[in-house]
Structure formats: structure tokens, C-alpha cells
Amino acid sequence: MTFEPLYSLSGLCVGALVGITGVGGGSLMTPLLVLLFGVHPATAVGTDLLYAAITKTAGTAVHGMHGRVNWKIVGSLAAGSLPAALLMLWLLAGVDRKSIGVTNTITTALGWLLVMTAIMLVFRGPILELARRAIGDRTPPKPTTILALTVILGFVLGVLVTLTSVGAGALGVTILLVLYPRLDVREIVGSDIVHAVPLTLIGGTGYWLIGEIDWPMLLALLIGSIPGIIIGSLLAPKLHERTIRIVLAATLAVVALKLLTG
């Protein structure tokens, strides 16, 4: 077991960006590990899932103390995402994860999710406005319909997060804002973060059981990212978040292009 300082430096940078923008670390950390450090996609995803479970636990405590968690939404998402995560882990356990086919599947899915995340970062407001106009004066969906759609959303997120470690943040929050337009944004974000903890924990544990966790790398990432998140949170009020989001979205788009084109 060797300690790599560059992993900690990467964790510091990613943690700071997460603290400033609130964007999930998976959108940044997994492609960074794959492209910059040459980590195999399956190992990068598995390690990042455990990394996310640990770092998001702190966010869960904060949102819980401030009452910014809708437990009905959390439960509905988990009803779909946790079975989906177990299904994906079962499928991954039965294939050769070092094969070109599996590697290409993970990197392609990761690339397209980064494209979608970049779009959500820049155009979430207009997208939500279009959704509200499309719904217009129509009769609101029944609570049972919204519940079913939330469970379906959870299932989709479970598949995407377990396969790529990306998807629960920008994508999940945007769709939840469409499904629950009357809820406070902070409550949606808090519920999404709380839901991500068991999902990433199950995903990360599953990757551990199939031998795809790099423990020294995980430790190095945590050493850097925890102070990074604190620094980013302190800097956030002093920075122009919109500009940072645009720069981050452009960076994600470039990274996605690299993943998709090889």
C-alpha cells in the first residue's frame, strides 16, 4: 500500500468545487481518475461510490438538523434505486469487468451523463420553466402517480449511479423539481443528498465485494477532499457561482468528449 499525494491534491480540488457549486463529486472524481491517473473505470466507479457515501454522510447530518429532508421522497427514491443497484451489481459480478466491452459501456455511459450534467448546470432554470409551461393549467397528477414516477426515477438513478457513480445530483434534482414544483429547492437538494448515502454505500460495498476498490486511493482522496469541501463552502458566498458553474459545465463537456471519442 503506497500513498499518492496527487490523489489528495485531486480530492482537495474536487472537494472545493463541490463545496462551491454543490455538484456531486462523481461528476468530477470518476472521470479525473480515469483520464488523469489511468485508473480502470470499474475501479474508479467503485472507489468513488464509497468516497461519495462517506462525504455525503456529513451533508446528510447538516440537512437533517435543519429539517431540509422530505423522507417520503427519500423512501420513494430508495424503493426504486436500491433494488436497481443490487441488480446492476449482480450483473457486474457476472461479467469480465476488464473486458473492452464493459470498459466501453462504463466510459460511454459516463461520457453522456457528463454531457447531461453540464446541460443541467447551465440551463436548469430554462428547462424547469419549459416544464412548467408544458404542464400549464393541466390538472396536477394524482399523488399515486407522482409516487410511482418518483420510484421509477429512483430505479433509473440506481442503474446510472451504480454503473458510473454519476446521476443522482444535477439530473436527479432537476427531475424532482419538475415532479414537486411546490417544494423548496433546499428540501429537494437535502432529500437527494440523503437518498444518495444508502445508494452509494450499497454500490460501493458491492464493488468492494467484487474486488474493485482501491483502498489507498480512497484514503488519499478523503484526506484531500474533506478540507476541500470546507474551504469551498467558506468561499462560496464570496464567489460568483453562475460563472463557476459555466466554467465547470464547459470542463465537464470537454471531459465527456474525451471519454466518448477515446
Protein backbone atom coordinates (compact mmCIF):
# COMPACT_ATOMS: atom_id res chain seq x y z
CA MET A 1 0.00 0.00 0.00
CA THR A 2 1.54 3.29 -1.16
CA PHE A 3 0.25 6.79 -0.51
CA GLU A 4 -0.09 9.01 -3.59
CA PRO A 5 -0.14 12.76 -2.73
CA LEU A 6 -1.60 13.63 -6.16
CA TYR A 7 -4.78 11.78 -5.21
CA SER A 8 -5.11 14.01 -2.14
CA LEU A 9 -4.49 17.12 -4.24
CA SER A 10 -7.20 15.98 -6.64
CA GLY A 11 -9.51 15.34 -3.70
CA LEU A 12 -8.81 18.85 -2.42
CA CYS A 13 -9.69 20.44 -5.78
CA VAL A 14 -12.81 18.34 -6.30
CA GLY A 15 -13.92 18.90 -2.71
CA ALA A 16 -13.55 22.66 -3.12
CA LEU A 17 -15.66 22.64 -6.30
CA VAL A 18 -18.31 20.50 -4.59
CA GLY A 19 -18.38 22.96 -1.69
CA ILE A 20 -18.74 25.95 -4.05
CA THR A 21 -21.23 24.57 -6.58
CA GLY A 22 -22.94 21.66 -4.80
CA VAL A 23 -22.30 19.45 -7.83
CA GLY A 24 -21.78 15.81 -6.91
CA GLY A 25 -18.18 14.67 -6.69
CA GLY A 26 -18.85 11.72 -9.01
CA SER A 27 -19.22 14.07 -11.97
CA LEU A 28 -15.68 15.23 -11.31
CA MET A 29 -13.82 12.49 -9.48
CA THR A 30 -14.55 9.44 -11.63
CA PRO A 31 -13.51 10.98 -14.98
CA LEU A 32 -10.48 12.53 -13.26
CA LEU A 33 -9.34 9.12 -12.01
CA VAL A 34 -9.94 7.51 -15.40
CA LEU A 35 -8.38 10.14 -17.64
CA LEU A 36 -5.65 11.68 -15.48
CA PHE A 37 -4.50 8.71 -13.43
CA GLY A 38 -5.40 5.87 -15.79
CA VAL A 39 -7.49 4.04 -13.20
CA HIS A 40 -9.70 1.31 -14.68
CA PRO A 41 -13.29 2.61 -15.00
CA ALA A 42 -14.79 -0.12 -12.78
CA THR A 43 -12.25 0.54 -10.00
CA ALA A 44 -12.73 4.31 -10.37
CA VAL A 45 -16.53 3.96 -10.09
CA GLY A 46 -16.38 1.60 -7.11
CA THR A 47 -13.86 3.70 -5.19
CA ASP A 48 -15.78 6.89 -5.95
CA LEU A 49 -19.04 5.37 -4.72
CA LEU A 50 -17.55 4.67 -1.29
CA TYR A 51 -15.91 8.09 -1.34
CA ALA A 52 -19.32 9.64 -2.05
CA ALA A 53 -21.04 7.63 0.70
CA ILE A 54 -18.55 8.91 3.28
CA THR A 55 -18.55 12.55 2.16
CA LYS A 56 -22.33 12.76 1.71
CA THR A 57 -22.92 11.44 5.23
CA ALA A 58 -21.77 14.80 6.59
CA GLY A 59 -24.17 16.58 4.24
CA THR A 60 -26.97 14.31 5.44
CA ALA A 61 -26.36 15.32 9.05
CA VAL A 62 -26.43 19.03 8.18
CA HIS A 63 -29.64 18.84 6.13
CA GLY A 64 -31.27 16.60 8.75
CA MET A 65 -30.52 19.05 11.56
CA HIS A 66 -32.08 21.88 9.59
CA GLY A 67 -35.18 19.85 8.71
CA ARG A 68 -34.48 20.02 4.97
CA VAL A 69 -35.31 16.39 4.23
CA ASN A 70 -38.57 15.05 2.80
CA TRP A 71 -38.47 11.46 3.99
CA LYS A 72 -41.37 10.43 1.75
CA ILE A 73 -39.32 11.41 -1.31
CA VAL A 74 -36.23 9.70 0.11
CA GLY A 75 -38.18 6.49 0.72
CA SER A 76 -39.79 6.55 -2.73
CA LEU A 77 -36.44 7.07 -4.47
CA ALA A 78 -34.82 4.33 -2.39
CA ALA A 79 -37.66 1.91 -3.22
CA GLY A 80 -36.53 2.11 -6.83
CA SER A 81 -32.80 2.80 -6.56
CA LEU A 82 -31.68 0.18 -4.05
CA PRO A 83 -33.12 -2.82 -5.96
CA ALA A 84 -31.68 -1.33 -9.17
CA ALA A 85 -28.25 -1.02 -7.53
CA LEU A 86 -28.36 -4.64 -6.38
CA LEU A 87 -29.41 -5.74 -9.87
CA MET A 88 -26.55 -3.83 -11.50
CA LEU A 89 -24.02 -5.24 -9.01
CA TRP A 90 -25.27 -8.75 -9.73
CA LEU A 91 -24.82 -8.15 -13.46
CA LEU A 92 -21.35 -6.65 -12.98
CA ALA A 93 -20.28 -9.54 -10.78
CA GLY A 94 -21.06 -11.97 -13.59
CA VAL A 95 -19.01 -10.32 -16.35
CA ASP A 96 -15.35 -9.71 -17.07
CA ARG A 97 -15.07 -6.10 -15.88
CA LYS A 98 -11.65 -5.72 -17.51
CA SER A 99 -13.03 -6.57 -20.95
CA ILE A 100 -13.18 -3.95 -23.68
CA GLY A 101 -16.97 -4.25 -23.88
CA VAL A 102 -17.57 -3.49 -20.19
CA THR A 103 -14.93 -0.74 -20.17
CA ASN A 104 -16.52 0.93 -23.21
CA THR A 105 -20.00 0.62 -21.71
CA ILE A 106 -18.95 2.36 -18.50
CA THR A 107 -16.96 5.12 -20.23
CA THR A 108 -19.69 5.79 -22.82
CA ALA A 109 -22.42 5.98 -20.17
CA LEU A 110 -20.18 8.21 -18.06
CA GLY A 111 -19.50 10.49 -21.03
CA TRP A 112 -23.15 11.02 -21.91
CA LEU A 113 -24.10 11.58 -18.26
CA LEU A 114 -21.42 14.27 -18.03
CA VAL A 115 -22.92 15.95 -21.10
CA MET A 116 -26.36 15.91 -19.47
CA THR A 117 -24.91 17.18 -16.18
CA ALA A 118 -23.21 20.06 -17.99
CA ILE A 119 -26.51 20.97 -19.67
CA MET A 120 -28.33 20.91 -16.32
CA LEU A 121 -25.66 23.10 -14.71
CA VAL A 122 -26.15 25.87 -17.27
CA PHE A 123 -29.78 25.51 -18.33
CA ARG A 124 -31.62 24.16 -15.28
CA GLY A 125 -33.68 27.36 -14.94
CA PRO A 126 -34.91 27.42 -18.57
CA ILE A 127 -35.54 23.66 -18.50
CA LEU A 128 -37.71 23.98 -15.40
CA GLU A 129 -39.55 26.94 -16.93
CA LEU A 130 -40.27 24.94 -20.10
CA ALA A 131 -41.56 22.07 -17.97
CA ARG A 132 -43.86 24.40 -16.03
CA ARG A 133 -45.22 25.91 -19.26
CA ALA A 134 -45.79 22.46 -20.73
CA ILE A 135 -47.76 21.45 -17.66
CA GLY A 136 -49.57 24.81 -17.64
CA ASP A 137 -53.09 24.71 -16.26
CA ARG A 138 -53.45 20.98 -16.59
CA THR A 139 -54.85 19.02 -13.69
CA PRO A 140 -51.96 18.14 -11.34
CA PRO A 141 -51.04 14.45 -11.35
CA LYS A 142 -52.52 12.30 -8.60
CA PRO A 143 -50.29 11.66 -5.57
CA THR A 144 -50.11 7.97 -6.52
CA THR A 145 -48.86 8.92 -10.00
CA ILE A 146 -46.18 11.20 -8.57
CA LEU A 147 -45.18 8.45 -6.14
CA ALA A 148 -44.86 5.94 -8.98
CA LEU A 149 -42.82 8.37 -11.08
CA THR A 150 -40.52 9.00 -8.10
CA VAL A 151 -39.93 5.27 -7.68
CA ILE A 152 -39.19 4.97 -11.43
CA LEU A 153 -36.78 7.91 -11.16
CA GLY A 154 -35.10 6.13 -8.26
CA PHE A 155 -34.71 2.97 -10.34
CA VAL A 156 -33.10 4.91 -13.21
CA LEU A 157 -30.76 6.71 -10.80
CA GLY A 158 -29.86 3.40 -9.17
CA VAL A 159 -28.78 1.97 -12.53
CA LEU A 160 -26.84 5.08 -13.57
CA VAL A 161 -25.12 5.71 -10.24
CA THR A 162 -24.08 2.08 -9.80
CA LEU A 163 -22.71 1.92 -13.34
CA THR A 164 -20.98 5.33 -13.45
CA SER A 165 -21.22 6.95 -9.96
CA VAL A 166 -22.89 9.94 -11.72
CA GLY A 167 -26.53 10.99 -12.00
CA ALA A 168 -28.02 11.48 -8.55
CA GLY A 169 -27.02 15.15 -8.32
CA ALA A 170 -27.84 17.53 -11.16
CA LEU A 171 -30.12 15.12 -13.05
CA GLY A 172 -32.00 13.79 -10.04
CA VAL A 173 -32.58 17.22 -8.51
CA THR A 174 -33.85 18.70 -11.78
CA ILE A 175 -36.42 15.94 -12.31
CA LEU A 176 -37.52 16.13 -8.67
CA LEU A 177 -38.09 19.87 -9.08
CA VAL A 178 -40.42 19.08 -12.00
CA LEU A 179 -42.28 16.40 -10.02
CA TYR A 180 -42.53 18.52 -6.84
CA PRO A 181 -42.72 22.16 -8.04
CA ARG A 182 -44.17 23.44 -4.76
CA LEU A 183 -41.36 22.17 -2.55
CA ASP A 184 -38.47 24.39 -1.52
CA VAL A 185 -35.32 23.78 -3.57
CA ARG A 186 -33.30 23.24 -0.37
CA GLU A 187 -35.68 20.47 0.66
CA ILE A 188 -35.28 18.78 -2.73
CA VAL A 189 -31.49 19.05 -2.57
CA GLY A 190 -31.42 17.79 1.01
CA SER A 191 -33.63 14.82 0.16
CA ASP A 192 -31.45 13.99 -2.85
CA ILE A 193 -28.27 14.03 -0.74
CA VAL A 194 -29.82 11.85 1.96
CA HIS A 195 -31.04 9.36 -0.65
CA ALA A 196 -27.55 9.21 -2.19
CA VAL A 197 -25.98 7.91 1.03
CA PRO A 198 -27.55 4.41 1.11
CA LEU A 199 -27.38 4.19 -2.68
CA THR A 200 -23.65 4.94 -2.89
CA LEU A 201 -22.95 2.87 0.23
CA ILE A 202 -24.63 -0.21 -1.26
CA GLY A 203 -22.95 0.43 -4.61
CA GLY A 204 -19.53 0.93 -3.05
CA THR A 205 -19.90 -2.12 -0.81
CA GLY A 206 -20.91 -4.19 -3.81
CA TYR A 207 -17.82 -3.08 -5.76
CA TRP A 208 -15.74 -3.92 -2.68
CA LEU A 209 -17.14 -7.47 -2.60
CA ILE A 210 -16.29 -7.98 -6.28
CA GLY A 211 -12.79 -6.61 -5.76
CA GLU A 212 -12.98 -3.19 -7.41
CA ILE A 213 -11.98 -0.85 -4.55
CA ASP A 214 -8.55 0.80 -4.30
CA TRP A 215 -8.29 1.47 -0.55
CA PRO A 216 -5.08 3.56 -0.53
CA MET A 217 -6.56 5.75 -3.26
CA LEU A 218 -9.82 6.12 -1.31
CA LEU A 219 -7.92 7.20 1.83
CA ALA A 220 -5.82 9.71 -0.13
CA LEU A 221 -8.93 11.18 -1.77
CA LEU A 222 -10.67 11.61 1.58
CA ILE A 223 -7.63 13.28 3.15
CA GLY A 224 -7.76 15.93 0.44
CA SER A 225 -11.49 16.27 -0.14
CA ILE A 226 -12.73 16.84 3.40
CA PRO A 227 -10.74 20.09 3.90
CA GLY A 228 -11.52 20.93 0.26
CA ILE A 229 -15.27 20.82 0.88
CA ILE A 230 -14.86 23.02 3.96
CA ILE A 231 -12.76 25.54 2.01
CA GLY A 232 -15.24 25.55 -0.88
CA SER A 233 -18.19 26.08 1.45
CA LEU A 234 -16.44 29.07 3.04
CA LEU A 235 -15.51 30.55 -0.36
CA ALA A 236 -18.93 30.03 -1.96
CA PRO A 237 -20.58 33.23 -0.64
CA LYS A 238 -17.66 35.32 -1.93
CA LEU A 239 -17.61 33.91 -5.47
CA HIS A 240 -19.88 34.34 -8.50
CA GLU A 241 -21.46 30.88 -8.55
CA ARG A 242 -23.02 31.30 -12.01
CA THR A 243 -19.62 31.91 -13.60
CA ILE A 244 -18.11 28.92 -11.80
CA ARG A 245 -20.98 26.71 -12.94
CA ILE A 246 -20.45 27.73 -16.57
CA VAL A 247 -16.71 27.03 -16.33
CA LEU A 248 -17.43 23.70 -14.62
CA ALA A 249 -20.01 22.79 -17.27
CA ALA A 250 -17.52 23.58 -20.05
CA THR A 251 -14.90 21.43 -18.31
CA LEU A 252 -17.35 18.53 -17.99
CA ALA A 253 -18.24 18.85 -21.68
CA VAL A 254 -14.56 18.65 -22.68
CA VAL A 255 -14.02 15.63 -20.40
CA ALA A 256 -17.14 13.96 -21.83
CA LEU A 257 -15.85 14.50 -25.36
CA LYS A 258 -12.57 12.84 -24.40
CA LEU A 259 -14.38 9.86 -22.87
CA LEU A 260 -16.72 9.44 -25.84
CA THR A 261 -14.07 9.79 -28.53
CA GLY A 262 -11.29 7.93 -26.73
